[in-house]
Amino acid sequence: MTATEPAPNTTSVPSGEVVVAVRGLTKVFKDFWGRPKARAVDNVDFEVRRGEVFGLLGPNGSGKSTIVKMLLGLLYPTRGHIEVFSHSPRHVRTKSRIGYLPEESYLYRYLDSRETLDFFGNLFTLSKKERENRTEQLLDMVGLTQTRTRSVGEFSKGMQRRIGLAQALINDPDLVILDEPTSGLDPIGCREVKDLILALARRGKTVILSSHLLADVEDVCNRVLILYGGKVQALGTLRELLATPDTIRITIPPLPRETMQQVLELIRRDVAEDRVRIDTPTQNLESYFLDVVQRARQSAETSGATSGSHVAAYLRGDAETTAVPSRILDRLTAPAPKTEPAPVAPAKAPAIDEERLSALSRAVPESPRPTEEKREPEPAADLSKANEKLSSLVNKPQ
């Protein structure tokens, strides 16, 4: 028997350190001439604490993405104050503690999954072995182990979201900002992303989630901020915002007809009959879908993205964060033992086999070599003979 609204999220709000502090945040976009064109964010105040899952909600153009970009230091606020880990969003060391999944996955399309994660791991100066360990765990977590050799440009939108989520977590961030993380994902992927968010929060990570899928927000968020026209319209815990204090739900197992009549008679003494509703509780479509797929997985195979087995060990904060179920990988990434180089003997000229060389020279005809023309030197003039001949001609009788 039911007579109330859905149960709100009962997750308590963490009371740890303030990770994100926003005061009087305002962003006005201007045209070329410096004239105000649009007030995207108008005097917004909120705080996000360590271990909290904070939801940013609102229709398109309400200022969610603008706030996210200002938290990342990609946009400068017109007015107001922002602190992330007690520093400016443009502080370099602060950026290394943030993981960001944008609304659209901007990836290098000719890299495969492993190369993509290795590239982003390099940006955070992770060691080669640590990059490989985390890559293996993340690919297993997002269900892309079987497609690790395919280039990212061949992925569907849902598979690109999976690898995008993995790259946002490669540095084990303390603050994770997710902009529409379940966009394009199938129901299995959506459930896994929500489980991942809850696992991060249990470890003390802070998650800021911007999404239009309100059911996902309701499942994981401690508090939500609802924006419209750049202004805060509602802020609080889901219990505070969703509870209906004048309604109570009672859920009981099936009762005999006589007992049910007695219960209804007692209730109707104090409550009008039109305000009492009786129905049979049902599971939601997501739970039913996941149950069907789980049964199908036992007898069928798929060439697409698979369900991730578990959250990556280093994201769960396990003591053994480098354990990978592949001893071959450990051997390949183990550093080579240091040994003193052996002295190198001077190279000896190879011995010449005279008989074989002679045989080869006879077998291969010698090509004619171009010869230069040799000009014979002109003989020197014999002056004595010339004089005798000249004198004989002169003295010859006429």
Foldseek 3Di string as FASTA:
>chain_A
DWQFDDDFDPDAADPADWFKWWFQFWAFDADPVRHTDATQAGGDGDTFHWLFEEEEAEDPSQNPVVVVCLLCVNDDTPDTDMDGNNHGSPDPVSNLQEFEQDPQQDFDQQAFLLVRQLVLLVVSVDDPLLSVLLSQLLCLQLQNPLRRRHGNNPDDRQVSLSSSVSSSCSSVHQEYEYEASCVPHDLLNLVSVLVLLNLLSVVGGYYYYYHPPVVSCRSHGQKYFYGGSNYTPDIDGRCVVPDDVVIDTDDDPDDPPVVVVVVVVVVCVPDPPVSDDDDDDDDDPSVVVVVVVVVVVVPDDDSHGDHRDDRQPVSSVDPPNRDDPDVVSVVVPDDDDDDDDDDDDDDDDDDDDVVVVVVVCVVDDDDDDDDDDDDDDDDDDDVVVVVVVVVCVVPPDD
